[in-house]
C-alpha cells in the first residue's frame, strides 16, 4: 500500500474497483451476477480460479471478460491431448548471433492466463501449472523465471464424464482458490445473450476498467481487512470437520484454510466492509472447499457430493457469536 494512504481510503477504492470489474463483465455475461462476483472476489484475493460447467454456457467468455477488464497482459491456451509442458512454460533456444541459449517465454507469462478445457490435456502437461499457480514462477532447465504480477490462472473444465477428459489431480485442484460453476441461463437471460450478439459480440467492445498495478495494490489492501480470532477459529474448525466427516475420503487441506480466509477478506471488501463476518465464510465455503473434498463413494446417494458435505457442515459447525456486522 502506498505510503500516506489511509487503509480505509484504499479499501473504499478497492470496493469501487471490484464493482467496476463485475459491472464490466456483466455487460458480456447475462444472468450470472453471482458467478461474476465470485470470480472478482477470487481475483482480488490473489487466487486462481476454476470454472466448471457443460460446454457452451459461457465459461470461456467469463474468463475473457475478466481478463479484458484488466489493463494487463493476457494469454489463452487451448488444452489438447498433444499439448506439451514446454508449450506452456517456454523453451531455451540457441541464439546464433549471441552464441548462447536464450529463453523464449511460453503463454504462462502474462498477468491473466486462461487455460481452456484444462482437463482435456494430459496429467503430465497439467503438472506444468503447479509451480506457477503456487509460487508465481516457472523453472525451465534449472533456471527460475518470475512471472508477471499480479498473476491469475483461470481454467475452464468440462464434466469429467465427457469424452476425452482427464480428471485433475487433487494436488492441482488444491491450488485453485475457488471453483465457480456456470450453469444454463434462465429464459430472460438467454434472450439477452442472443440479442446482444445479433450485430457483434459484446466482448469485442469491452475495455479495461482497472490497471494491473491497481489490482496488485488492491490485493495487498485486501490482506489488511480485519479478521476476528473467532472467525479464524471458525474457518479452522469448518475445514477440519471436512477431514473428519464419515463420507469423506480426503478432506480440505491446510492451504484451504488460508484460501477461505483470504477469499472472505476479499468478499468483505466487495460489499464495502473493512472486517470479515462469519457470513462471508459461509457464502464462500462451497466454492473454496468442495473441489478439495473427495467423497468415499463418488456419486452415490449415501455419500452425496462434496458440496453436500460442505452444506451439512455449515449447518452443524457452530457460528461464532458477537462478531460485529
C-alpha atoms as a PDB file:
ATOM      1  CA  UNK A   1       0.000   0.000   0.000  1.00  0.00           C
ATOM      2  CA  UNK A   2       1.436   3.410  -0.913  1.00  0.00           C
ATOM      3  CA  UNK A   3       2.752   5.483   1.992  1.00  0.00           C
ATOM      4  CA  UNK A   4       0.432   8.131   3.338  1.00  0.00           C
ATOM      5  CA  UNK A   5      -2.755   6.444   2.113  1.00  0.00           C
ATOM      6  CA  UNK A   6      -5.183   5.554   4.915  1.00  0.00           C
ATOM      7  CA  UNK A   7      -6.189   1.894   4.939  1.00  0.00           C
ATOM      8  CA  UNK A   8      -9.912   2.665   4.880  1.00  0.00           C
ATOM      9  CA  UNK A   9      -9.496   5.000   1.890  1.00  0.00           C
ATOM     10  CA  UNK A  10      -7.632   2.302  -0.007  1.00  0.00           C
ATOM     11  CA  UNK A  11     -10.287  -0.267   0.840  1.00  0.00           C
ATOM     12  CA  UNK A  12     -13.042   2.059  -0.382  1.00  0.00           C
ATOM     13  CA  UNK A  13     -11.296   2.497  -3.731  1.00  0.00           C
ATOM     14  CA  UNK A  14     -10.768  -1.272  -3.856  1.00  0.00           C
ATOM     15  CA  UNK A  15     -14.503  -1.776  -3.348  1.00  0.00           C
ATOM     16  CA  UNK A  16     -15.261   0.604  -6.214  1.00  0.00           C
ATOM     17  CA  UNK A  17     -12.728  -1.153  -8.458  1.00  0.00           C
ATOM     18  CA  UNK A  18     -14.142  -4.601  -7.723  1.00  0.00           C
ATOM     19  CA  UNK A  19     -17.646  -3.439  -8.544  1.00  0.00           C
ATOM     20  CA  UNK A  20     -16.451  -1.815 -11.776  1.00  0.00           C
ATOM     21  CA  UNK A  21     -14.884  -5.074 -12.883  1.00  0.00           C
ATOM     22  CA  UNK A  22     -18.062  -7.002 -12.029  1.00  0.00           C
ATOM     23  CA  UNK A  23     -20.278  -4.488 -13.837  1.00  0.00           C
ATOM     24  CA  UNK A  24     -17.972  -4.545 -16.847  1.00  0.00           C
ATOM     25  CA  UNK A  25     -18.017  -8.331 -17.107  1.00  0.00           C
ATOM     26  CA  UNK A  26     -21.787  -8.367 -16.723  1.00  0.00           C
ATOM     27  CA  UNK A  27     -22.049  -6.427 -19.976  1.00  0.00           C
ATOM     28  CA  UNK A  28     -20.962  -9.661 -21.656  1.00  0.00           C
ATOM     29  CA  UNK A  29     -22.335 -12.349 -19.344  1.00  0.00           C
ATOM     30  CA  UNK A  30     -26.080 -12.072 -18.759  1.00  0.00           C
ATOM     31  CA  UNK A  31     -27.770 -13.732 -15.802  1.00  0.00           C
ATOM     32  CA  UNK A  32     -24.579 -14.744 -13.992  1.00  0.00           C
ATOM     33  CA  UNK A  33     -24.010 -11.944 -11.490  1.00  0.00           C
ATOM     34  CA  UNK A  34     -23.253 -14.342  -8.626  1.00  0.00           C
ATOM     35  CA  UNK A  35     -20.642 -16.191 -10.673  1.00  0.00           C
ATOM     36  CA  UNK A  36     -19.103 -12.923 -11.863  1.00  0.00           C
ATOM     37  CA  UNK A  37     -18.833 -11.539  -8.337  1.00  0.00           C
ATOM     38  CA  UNK A  38     -17.285 -14.794  -7.119  1.00  0.00           C
ATOM     39  CA  UNK A  39     -14.692 -14.579  -9.904  1.00  0.00           C
ATOM     40  CA  UNK A  40     -13.899 -10.968  -8.976  1.00  0.00           C
ATOM     41  CA  UNK A  41     -13.543 -11.941  -5.316  1.00  0.00           C
ATOM     42  CA  UNK A  42     -11.061 -14.631  -6.325  1.00  0.00           C
ATOM     43  CA  UNK A  43      -9.079 -12.189  -8.476  1.00  0.00           C
ATOM     44  CA  UNK A  44      -8.683  -9.587  -5.737  1.00  0.00           C
ATOM     45  CA  UNK A  45      -7.915 -12.283  -3.167  1.00  0.00           C
ATOM     46  CA  UNK A  46      -4.915 -13.255  -5.296  1.00  0.00           C
ATOM     47  CA  UNK A  47      -6.115 -16.775  -6.049  1.00  0.00           C
ATOM     48  CA  UNK A  48      -6.540 -18.982  -9.091  1.00  0.00           C
ATOM     49  CA  UNK A  49      -9.999 -19.719 -10.463  1.00  0.00           C
ATOM     50  CA  UNK A  50     -11.556 -22.900 -11.859  1.00  0.00           C
ATOM     51  CA  UNK A  51     -14.736 -22.528 -13.921  1.00  0.00           C
ATOM     52  CA  UNK A  52     -16.858 -25.650 -14.276  1.00  0.00           C
ATOM     53  CA  UNK A  53     -19.857 -26.406 -16.460  1.00  0.00           C
ATOM     54  CA  UNK A  54     -21.012 -28.092 -19.624  1.00  0.00           C
ATOM     55  CA  UNK A  55     -19.771 -26.721 -22.973  1.00  0.00           C
ATOM     56  CA  UNK A  56     -21.369 -23.550 -24.268  1.00  0.00           C
ATOM     57  CA  UNK A  57     -22.590 -21.944 -21.024  1.00  0.00           C
ATOM     58  CA  UNK A  58     -20.086 -19.068 -21.103  1.00  0.00           C
ATOM     59  CA  UNK A  59     -17.101 -20.248 -19.062  1.00  0.00           C
ATOM     60  CA  UNK A  60     -14.544 -19.017 -21.585  1.00  0.00           C
ATOM     61  CA  UNK A  61     -16.486 -15.795 -22.128  1.00  0.00           C
ATOM     62  CA  UNK A  62     -16.484 -15.087 -18.387  1.00  0.00           C
ATOM     63  CA  UNK A  63     -12.742 -15.659 -18.211  1.00  0.00           C
ATOM     64  CA  UNK A  64     -12.129 -13.401 -21.216  1.00  0.00           C
ATOM     65  CA  UNK A  65     -14.401 -10.688 -19.824  1.00  0.00           C
ATOM     66  CA  UNK A  66     -12.489 -10.732 -16.544  1.00  0.00           C
ATOM     67  CA  UNK A  67      -9.171 -10.519 -18.371  1.00  0.00           C
ATOM     68  CA  UNK A  68     -10.405  -7.736 -20.677  1.00  0.00           C
ATOM     69  CA  UNK A  69     -11.427  -5.697 -17.637  1.00  0.00           C
ATOM     70  CA  UNK A  70      -7.795  -5.522 -16.505  1.00  0.00           C
ATOM     71  CA  UNK A  71      -5.281  -3.405 -18.384  1.00  0.00           C
ATOM     72  CA  UNK A  72      -2.638  -6.122 -18.285  1.00  0.00           C
ATOM     73  CA  UNK A  73      -1.226  -8.896 -20.439  1.00  0.00           C
ATOM     74  CA  UNK A  74      -3.427 -11.869 -21.328  1.00  0.00           C
ATOM     75  CA  UNK A  75      -2.735 -15.243 -22.919  1.00  0.00           C
ATOM     76  CA  UNK A  76      -5.110 -18.043 -23.787  1.00  0.00           C
ATOM     77  CA  UNK A  77      -4.148 -21.699 -24.076  1.00  0.00           C
ATOM     78  CA  UNK A  78      -6.413 -24.292 -25.649  1.00  0.00           C
ATOM     79  CA  UNK A  79      -5.719 -27.510 -23.795  1.00  0.00           C
ATOM     80  CA  UNK A  80      -5.468 -30.573 -26.050  1.00  0.00           C
ATOM     81  CA  UNK A  81      -4.163 -34.129 -25.527  1.00  0.00           C
ATOM     82  CA  UNK A  82      -0.989 -33.357 -27.525  1.00  0.00           C
ATOM     83  CA  UNK A  83      -0.113 -30.195 -25.581  1.00  0.00           C
ATOM     84  CA  UNK A  84       3.362 -30.449 -24.014  1.00  0.00           C
ATOM     85  CA  UNK A  85       4.632 -28.842 -20.779  1.00  0.00           C
ATOM     86  CA  UNK A  86       7.106 -26.764 -22.803  1.00  0.00           C
ATOM     87  CA  UNK A  87       4.181 -25.390 -24.807  1.00  0.00           C
ATOM     88  CA  UNK A  88       3.123 -23.681 -21.579  1.00  0.00           C
ATOM     89  CA  UNK A  89       6.363 -22.813 -19.837  1.00  0.00           C
ATOM     90  CA  UNK A  90       8.554 -21.889 -22.812  1.00  0.00           C
ATOM     91  CA  UNK A  91      11.859 -23.239 -24.087  1.00  0.00           C
ATOM     92  CA  UNK A  92      15.517 -22.309 -24.397  1.00  0.00           C
ATOM     93  CA  UNK A  93      16.680 -21.839 -27.994  1.00  0.00           C
ATOM     94  CA  UNK A  94      20.146 -21.329 -29.414  1.00  0.00           C
ATOM     95  CA  UNK A  95      20.818 -17.746 -30.462  1.00  0.00           C
ATOM     96  CA  UNK A  96      23.443 -17.939 -33.208  1.00  0.00           C
ATOM     97  CA  UNK A  97      24.181 -14.214 -33.148  1.00  0.00           C
ATOM     98  CA  UNK A  98      24.714 -14.077 -29.370  1.00  0.00           C
ATOM     99  CA  UNK A  99      26.347 -17.505 -29.230  1.00  0.00           C
ATOM    100  CA  UNK A 100      24.260 -18.604 -26.270  1.00  0.00           C
ATOM    101  CA  UNK A 101      20.933 -20.096 -25.337  1.00  0.00           C
ATOM    102  CA  UNK A 102      18.029 -17.653 -24.995  1.00  0.00           C
ATOM    103  CA  UNK A 103      14.840 -18.363 -23.080  1.00  0.00           C
ATOM    104  CA  UNK A 104      11.618 -17.874 -25.041  1.00  0.00           C
ATOM    105  CA  UNK A 105       8.732 -17.492 -22.564  1.00  0.00           C
ATOM    106  CA  UNK A 106       5.577 -19.538 -23.065  1.00  0.00           C
ATOM    107  CA  UNK A 107       1.980 -18.375 -22.660  1.00  0.00           C
ATOM    108  CA  UNK A 108       2.146 -18.727 -18.869  1.00  0.00           C
ATOM    109  CA  UNK A 109       3.992 -15.401 -18.825  1.00  0.00           C
ATOM    110  CA  UNK A 110       1.051 -12.992 -18.609  1.00  0.00           C
ATOM    111  CA  UNK A 111      -0.973 -11.284 -15.898  1.00  0.00           C
ATOM    112  CA  UNK A 112      -4.038 -13.369 -16.725  1.00  0.00           C
ATOM    113  CA  UNK A 113      -3.676 -16.847 -18.240  1.00  0.00           C
ATOM    114  CA  UNK A 114      -6.728 -18.711 -19.477  1.00  0.00           C
ATOM    115  CA  UNK A 115      -6.299 -22.464 -19.839  1.00  0.00           C
ATOM    116  CA  UNK A 116      -9.392 -23.509 -21.719  1.00  0.00           C
ATOM    117  CA  UNK A 117     -10.699 -27.046 -21.105  1.00  0.00           C
ATOM    118  CA  UNK A 118      -7.771 -27.816 -18.818  1.00  0.00           C
ATOM    119  CA  UNK A 119      -8.891 -31.399 -18.262  1.00  0.00           C
ATOM    120  CA  UNK A 120      -8.523 -32.214 -21.958  1.00  0.00           C
ATOM    121  CA  UNK A 121      -4.741 -32.234 -21.652  1.00  0.00           C
ATOM    122  CA  UNK A 122      -2.670 -34.986 -20.067  1.00  0.00           C
ATOM    123  CA  UNK A 123      -1.657 -35.117 -16.396  1.00  0.00           C
ATOM    124  CA  UNK A 124       1.970 -34.519 -17.440  1.00  0.00           C
ATOM    125  CA  UNK A 125       1.068 -31.184 -19.003  1.00  0.00           C
ATOM    126  CA  UNK A 126      -1.349 -30.321 -16.202  1.00  0.00           C
ATOM    127  CA  UNK A 127       1.586 -30.647 -13.780  1.00  0.00           C
ATOM    128  CA  UNK A 128       3.352 -27.775 -15.566  1.00  0.00           C
ATOM    129  CA  UNK A 129       0.770 -25.477 -13.954  1.00  0.00           C
ATOM    130  CA  UNK A 130       1.590 -26.453 -10.363  1.00  0.00           C
ATOM    131  CA  UNK A 131       4.641 -24.226  -9.856  1.00  0.00           C
ATOM    132  CA  UNK A 132       3.243 -21.079 -11.491  1.00  0.00           C
ATOM    133  CA  UNK A 133      -0.093 -21.406  -9.688  1.00  0.00           C
ATOM    134  CA  UNK A 134       1.503 -21.725  -6.258  1.00  0.00           C
ATOM    135  CA  UNK A 135       4.863 -19.958  -6.443  1.00  0.00           C
ATOM    136  CA  UNK A 136       4.268 -17.458  -9.275  1.00  0.00           C
ATOM    137  CA  UNK A 137       7.371 -18.657 -11.087  1.00  0.00           C
ATOM    138  CA  UNK A 138       8.448 -21.112 -13.784  1.00  0.00           C
ATOM    139  CA  UNK A 139      11.584 -23.252 -13.703  1.00  0.00           C
ATOM    140  CA  UNK A 140      12.953 -24.383 -17.052  1.00  0.00           C
ATOM    141  CA  UNK A 141      16.215 -26.340 -17.324  1.00  0.00           C
ATOM    142  CA  UNK A 142      17.166 -25.418 -13.771  1.00  0.00           C
ATOM    143  CA  UNK A 143      16.630 -21.679 -14.228  1.00  0.00           C
ATOM    144  CA  UNK A 144      13.788 -19.974 -12.352  1.00  0.00           C
ATOM    145  CA  UNK A 145      11.881 -17.204 -14.112  1.00  0.00           C
ATOM    146  CA  UNK A 146       9.476 -14.961 -12.144  1.00  0.00           C
ATOM    147  CA  UNK A 147       6.004 -14.398 -13.554  1.00  0.00           C
ATOM    148  CA  UNK A 148       4.295 -11.006 -14.018  1.00  0.00           C
ATOM    149  CA  UNK A 149       2.388  -9.554 -11.078  1.00  0.00           C
ATOM    150  CA  UNK A 150      -0.496  -9.671 -10.487  1.00  0.00           C
ATOM    151  CA  UNK A 151      -0.853 -13.238 -11.704  1.00  0.00           C
ATOM    152  CA  UNK A 152      -4.049 -15.187 -12.199  1.00  0.00           C
ATOM    153  CA  UNK A 153      -4.667 -18.587 -13.763  1.00  0.00           C
ATOM    154  CA  UNK A 154      -8.245 -19.126 -14.907  1.00  0.00           C
ATOM    155  CA  UNK A 155      -9.009 -22.651 -16.065  1.00  0.00           C
ATOM    156  CA  UNK A 156     -12.232 -23.966 -17.537  1.00  0.00           C
ATOM    157  CA  UNK A 157     -13.215 -27.579 -17.068  1.00  0.00           C
ATOM    158  CA  UNK A 158     -15.816 -29.764 -18.730  1.00  0.00           C
ATOM    159  CA  UNK A 159     -17.566 -32.528 -16.774  1.00  0.00           C
ATOM    160  CA  UNK A 160     -15.171 -35.433 -16.266  1.00  0.00           C
ATOM    161  CA  UNK A 161     -17.585 -37.956 -17.738  1.00  0.00           C
ATOM    162  CA  UNK A 162     -17.349 -36.325 -21.152  1.00  0.00           C
ATOM    163  CA  UNK A 163     -15.292 -37.878 -23.922  1.00  0.00           C
ATOM    164  CA  UNK A 164     -11.573 -37.095 -23.929  1.00  0.00           C
ATOM    165  CA  UNK A 165     -11.196 -35.664 -20.423  1.00  0.00           C
ATOM    166  CA  UNK A 166      -8.574 -36.372 -17.748  1.00  0.00           C
ATOM    167  CA  UNK A 167      -9.544 -35.806 -14.097  1.00  0.00           C
ATOM    168  CA  UNK A 168      -7.476 -33.103 -12.409  1.00  0.00           C
ATOM    169  CA  UNK A 169      -5.261 -34.495  -9.628  1.00  0.00           C
ATOM    170  CA  UNK A 170      -6.033 -33.484  -6.050  1.00  0.00           C
ATOM    171  CA  UNK A 171      -2.756 -31.552  -5.780  1.00  0.00           C
ATOM    172  CA  UNK A 172      -3.718 -29.318  -8.666  1.00  0.00           C
ATOM    173  CA  UNK A 173      -7.299 -28.824  -7.536  1.00  0.00           C
ATOM    174  CA  UNK A 174      -5.927 -27.678  -4.189  1.00  0.00           C
ATOM    175  CA  UNK A 175      -4.102 -24.833  -5.950  1.00  0.00           C
ATOM    176  CA  UNK A 176      -7.329 -23.328  -7.213  1.00  0.00           C
ATOM    177  CA  UNK A 177      -8.588 -20.934  -4.573  1.00  0.00           C
ATOM    178  CA  UNK A 178     -12.175 -21.164  -5.821  1.00  0.00           C
ATOM    179  CA  UNK A 179     -14.361 -23.170  -8.153  1.00  0.00           C
ATOM    180  CA  UNK A 180     -17.298 -21.405  -9.770  1.00  0.00           C
ATOM    181  CA  UNK A 181     -19.978 -23.459 -11.505  1.00  0.00           C
ATOM    182  CA  UNK A 182     -21.522 -21.830 -14.568  1.00  0.00           C
ATOM    183  CA  UNK A 183     -24.919 -23.232 -15.466  1.00  0.00           C
ATOM    184  CA  UNK A 184     -27.611 -22.656 -18.064  1.00  0.00           C
ATOM    185  CA  UNK A 185     -29.174 -19.174 -18.108  1.00  0.00           C
ATOM    186  CA  UNK A 186     -32.846 -18.607 -17.399  1.00  0.00           C
ATOM    187  CA  UNK A 187     -35.156 -17.640 -20.248  1.00  0.00           C
ATOM    188  CA  UNK A 188     -34.801 -13.897 -19.716  1.00  0.00           C
ATOM    189  CA  UNK A 189     -31.017 -14.041 -19.600  1.00  0.00           C
ATOM    190  CA  UNK A 190     -30.899 -16.351 -22.610  1.00  0.00           C
ATOM    191  CA  UNK A 191     -32.894 -13.802 -24.588  1.00  0.00           C
ATOM    192  CA  UNK A 192     -30.406 -11.090 -23.593  1.00  0.00           C
ATOM    193  CA  UNK A 193     -27.489 -13.263 -24.691  1.00  0.00           C
ATOM    194  CA  UNK A 194     -28.945 -13.780 -28.153  1.00  0.00           C
ATOM    195  CA  UNK A 195     -29.989 -10.142 -28.536  1.00  0.00           C
ATOM    196  CA  UNK A 196     -26.577  -8.791 -27.531  1.00  0.00           C
ATOM    197  CA  UNK A 197     -24.810 -10.883 -30.160  1.00  0.00           C
ATOM    198  CA  UNK A 198     -27.060 -10.161 -33.141  1.00  0.00           C
ATOM    199  CA  UNK A 199     -24.772  -7.495 -34.629  1.00  0.00           C
ATOM    200  CA  UNK A 200     -21.459  -8.009 -32.825  1.00  0.00           C
ATOM    201  CA  UNK A 201     -20.010  -9.830 -29.880  1.00  0.00           C
ATOM    202  CA  UNK A 202     -20.075  -7.552 -26.811  1.00  0.00           C
ATOM    203  CA  UNK A 203     -16.642  -8.842 -25.798  1.00  0.00           C
ATOM    204  CA  UNK A 204     -15.148  -7.033 -28.817  1.00  0.00           C
ATOM    205  CA  UNK A 205     -16.127  -3.668 -27.333  1.00  0.00           C
ATOM    206  CA  UNK A 206     -15.183  -4.421 -23.739  1.00  0.00           C
ATOM    207  CA  UNK A 207     -12.431  -2.179 -22.371  1.00  0.00           C
ATOM    208  CA  UNK A 208     -10.279  -2.266 -19.257  1.00  0.00           C
ATOM    209  CA  UNK A 209     -11.660  -0.578 -16.128  1.00  0.00           C
ATOM    210  CA  UNK A 210      -8.707  -1.171 -13.795  1.00  0.00           C
ATOM    211  CA  UNK A 211      -4.948  -1.349 -14.314  1.00  0.00           C
ATOM    212  CA  UNK A 212      -2.793  -4.340 -13.430  1.00  0.00           C
ATOM    213  CA  UNK A 213      -0.857  -2.182 -10.945  1.00  0.00           C
ATOM    214  CA  UNK A 214      -4.104  -1.209  -9.226  1.00  0.00           C
ATOM    215  CA  UNK A 215      -5.172  -4.844  -8.988  1.00  0.00           C
ATOM    216  CA  UNK A 216      -1.878  -5.642  -7.286  1.00  0.00           C
ATOM    217  CA  UNK A 217      -2.295  -2.685  -4.920  1.00  0.00           C
ATOM    218  CA  UNK A 218      -5.845  -3.691  -4.026  1.00  0.00           C
ATOM    219  CA  UNK A 219      -4.793  -7.299  -3.475  1.00  0.00           C
ATOM    220  CA  UNK A 220      -2.397  -6.009  -0.817  1.00  0.00           C
ATOM    221  CA  UNK A 221      -5.166  -3.827   0.632  1.00  0.00           C
ATOM    222  CA  UNK A 222      -7.492  -6.839   0.896  1.00  0.00           C
ATOM    223  CA  UNK A 223      -4.943  -8.529   3.157  1.00  0.00           C
ATOM    224  CA  UNK A 224      -5.400  -5.690   5.687  1.00  0.00           C
ATOM    225  CA  UNK A 225      -9.083  -6.486   6.241  1.00  0.00           C
ATOM    226  CA  UNK A 226      -9.624  -7.347   9.903  1.00  0.00           C
ATOM    227  CA  UNK A 227     -10.430 -10.954  10.797  1.00  0.00           C
ATOM    228  CA  UNK A 228     -11.504 -11.682  14.363  1.00  0.00           C
ATOM    229  CA  UNK A 229      -9.749 -14.628  16.051  1.00  0.00           C
ATOM    230  CA  UNK A 230     -13.149 -16.274  16.491  1.00  0.00           C
ATOM    231  CA  UNK A 231     -13.746 -16.122  12.723  1.00  0.00           C
ATOM    232  CA  UNK A 232     -10.322 -17.661  12.070  1.00  0.00           C
ATOM    233  CA  UNK A 233     -11.191 -20.424  14.526  1.00  0.00           C
ATOM    234  CA  UNK A 234     -14.479 -20.926  12.658  1.00  0.00           C
ATOM    235  CA  UNK A 235     -12.577 -21.370   9.390  1.00  0.00           C
ATOM    236  CA  UNK A 236     -10.181 -23.850  11.009  1.00  0.00           C
ATOM    237  CA  UNK A 237     -12.984 -25.832  12.653  1.00  0.00           C
ATOM    238  CA  UNK A 238     -15.052 -25.946   9.470  1.00  0.00           C
ATOM    239  CA  UNK A 239     -12.102 -27.094   7.373  1.00  0.00           C
ATOM    240  CA  UNK A 240     -11.023 -29.674   9.936  1.00  0.00           C
ATOM    241  CA  UNK A 241     -14.577 -31.037  10.007  1.00  0.00           C
ATOM    242  CA  UNK A 242     -14.308 -31.958   6.313  1.00  0.00           C
ATOM    243  CA  UNK A 243     -11.462 -34.319   7.201  1.00  0.00           C
ATOM    244  CA  UNK A 244     -13.441 -35.951   9.998  1.00  0.00           C
ATOM    245  CA  UNK A 245     -16.671 -36.467   8.057  1.00  0.00           C
ATOM    246  CA  UNK A 246     -17.631 -40.130   7.694  1.00  0.00           C
ATOM    247  CA  UNK A 247     -18.403 -39.873   3.977  1.00  0.00           C
ATOM    248  CA  UNK A 248     -15.126 -38.148   3.085  1.00  0.00           C
ATOM    249  CA  UNK A 249     -12.011 -39.961   1.907  1.00  0.00           C
ATOM    250  CA  UNK A 250      -9.866 -36.824   1.544  1.00  0.00           C
ATOM    251  CA  UNK A 251     -10.801 -33.592   3.271  1.00  0.00           C
ATOM    252  CA  UNK A 252      -9.775 -29.990   2.714  1.00  0.00           C
ATOM    253  CA  UNK A 253      -6.115 -29.137   3.233  1.00  0.00           C
ATOM    254  CA  UNK A 254      -4.492 -26.525   5.497  1.00  0.00           C
ATOM    255  CA  UNK A 255      -3.953 -24.479   2.328  1.00  0.00           C
ATOM    256  CA  UNK A 256      -7.717 -24.234   2.019  1.00  0.00           C
ATOM    257  CA  UNK A 257      -7.938 -22.558   5.435  1.00  0.00           C
ATOM    258  CA  UNK A 258      -5.774 -19.717   4.180  1.00  0.00           C
ATOM    259  CA  UNK A 259      -7.683 -19.606   0.895  1.00  0.00           C
ATOM    260  CA  UNK A 260     -11.060 -19.396   2.614  1.00  0.00           C
ATOM    261  CA  UNK A 261      -9.871 -16.627   4.930  1.00  0.00           C
ATOM    262  CA  UNK A 262      -8.396 -14.561   2.106  1.00  0.00           C
ATOM    263  CA  UNK A 263     -11.469 -15.058  -0.053  1.00  0.00           C
ATOM    264  CA  UNK A 264     -13.638 -13.926   2.861  1.00  0.00           C
ATOM    265  CA  UNK A 265     -11.487 -10.793   3.215  1.00  0.00           C
ATOM    266  CA  UNK A 266     -11.976 -10.061  -0.477  1.00  0.00           C
ATOM    267  CA  UNK A 267     -15.747 -10.565  -0.250  1.00  0.00           C
ATOM    268  CA  UNK A 268     -15.900  -8.200   2.715  1.00  0.00           C
ATOM    269  CA  UNK A 269     -14.211  -5.502   0.636  1.00  0.00           C
ATOM    270  CA  UNK A 270     -16.565  -6.091  -2.277  1.00  0.00           C
ATOM    271  CA  UNK A 271     -19.611  -5.440  -0.097  1.00  0.00           C
ATOM    272  CA  UNK A 272     -17.938  -2.390   1.455  1.00  0.00           C
ATOM    273  CA  UNK A 273     -16.708  -3.682   4.834  1.00  0.00           C
ATOM    274  CA  UNK A 274     -13.280  -3.490   6.474  1.00  0.00           C
ATOM    275  CA  UNK A 275     -13.802  -6.659   8.521  1.00  0.00           C
ATOM    276  CA  UNK A 276     -14.843 -10.249   7.887  1.00  0.00           C
ATOM    277  CA  UNK A 277     -18.119 -11.692   9.132  1.00  0.00           C
ATOM    278  CA  UNK A 278     -18.996 -15.381   9.505  1.00  0.00           C
ATOM    279  CA  UNK A 279     -21.476 -14.796   6.664  1.00  0.00           C
ATOM    280  CA  UNK A 280     -18.521 -14.150   4.321  1.00  0.00           C
ATOM    281  CA  UNK A 281     -17.054 -17.519   5.250  1.00  0.00           C
ATOM    282  CA  UNK A 282     -20.401 -19.291   4.846  1.00  0.00           C
ATOM    283  CA  UNK A 283     -21.055 -17.678   1.467  1.00  0.00           C
ATOM    284  CA  UNK A 284     -17.726 -18.854   0.043  1.00  0.00           C
ATOM    285  CA  UNK A 285     -17.229 -22.200   1.797  1.00  0.00           C
ATOM    286  CA  UNK A 286     -18.747 -24.219  -1.039  1.00  0.00           C
ATOM    287  CA  UNK A 287     -16.651 -22.551  -3.728  1.00  0.00           C
ATOM    288  CA  UNK A 288     -13.429 -22.835  -1.733  1.00  0.00           C
ATOM    289  CA  UNK A 289     -13.758 -26.226  -0.042  1.00  0.00           C
ATOM    290  CA  UNK A 290     -15.944 -28.503  -2.185  1.00  0.00           C
ATOM    291  CA  UNK A 291     -13.460 -29.121  -5.017  1.00  0.00           C
ATOM    292  CA  UNK A 292     -10.838 -30.130  -2.447  1.00  0.00           C
ATOM    293  CA  UNK A 293     -13.015 -32.868  -0.925  1.00  0.00           C
ATOM    294  CA  UNK A 294     -13.034 -36.452  -2.197  1.00  0.00           C
ATOM    295  CA  UNK A 295     -16.117 -38.417  -1.075  1.00  0.00           C
ATOM    296  CA  UNK A 296     -15.630 -42.096  -0.254  1.00  0.00           C
ATOM    297  CA  UNK A 297     -18.080 -43.201  -2.956  1.00  0.00           C
ATOM    298  CA  UNK A 298     -18.436 -40.519  -5.578  1.00  0.00           C
ATOM    299  CA  UNK A 299     -21.898 -40.047  -6.990  1.00  0.00           C
ATOM    300  CA  UNK A 300     -23.737 -42.385  -4.596  1.00  0.00           C
ATOM    301  CA  UNK A 301     -26.849 -41.336  -2.766  1.00  0.00           C
ATOM    302  CA  UNK A 302     -25.340 -42.399   0.563  1.00  0.00           C
ATOM    303  CA  UNK A 303     -22.296 -40.140   0.408  1.00  0.00           C
ATOM    304  CA  UNK A 304     -23.764 -37.384  -1.715  1.00  0.00           C
ATOM    305  CA  UNK A 305     -21.487 -34.833  -3.318  1.00  0.00           C
ATOM    306  CA  UNK A 306     -18.656 -32.810  -1.833  1.00  0.00           C
ATOM    307  CA  UNK A 307     -20.872 -29.746  -1.907  1.00  0.00           C
ATOM    308  CA  UNK A 308     -23.491 -31.619   0.101  1.00  0.00           C
ATOM    309  CA  UNK A 309     -20.828 -32.312   2.728  1.00  0.00           C
ATOM    310  CA  UNK A 310     -19.935 -28.621   2.961  1.00  0.00           C
ATOM    311  CA  UNK A 311     -23.589 -27.612   3.257  1.00  0.00           C
ATOM    312  CA  UNK A 312     -24.129 -30.176   6.007  1.00  0.00           C
ATOM    313  CA  UNK A 313     -21.112 -28.910   7.933  1.00  0.00           C
ATOM    314  CA  UNK A 314     -22.249 -25.306   7.609  1.00  0.00           C
ATOM    315  CA  UNK A 315     -25.446 -26.339   9.386  1.00  0.00           C
ATOM    316  CA  UNK A 316     -23.590 -28.306  12.049  1.00  0.00           C
ATOM    317  CA  UNK A 317     -20.466 -26.281  12.905  1.00  0.00           C
ATOM    318  CA  UNK A 318     -21.282 -23.542  15.457  1.00  0.00           C
ATOM    319  CA  UNK A 319     -21.062 -19.992  14.106  1.00  0.00           C
ATOM    320  CA  UNK A 320     -19.067 -17.571  16.291  1.00  0.00           C
ATOM    321  CA  UNK A 321     -21.230 -15.044  18.102  1.00  0.00           C
ATOM    322  CA  UNK A 322     -20.515 -11.434  18.888  1.00  0.00           C
ATOM    323  CA  UNK A 323     -18.783 -10.530  15.612  1.00  0.00           C
ATOM    324  CA  UNK A 324     -19.983  -7.040  14.705  1.00  0.00           C
ATOM    325  CA  UNK A 325     -21.754  -6.559  11.396  1.00  0.00           C
END
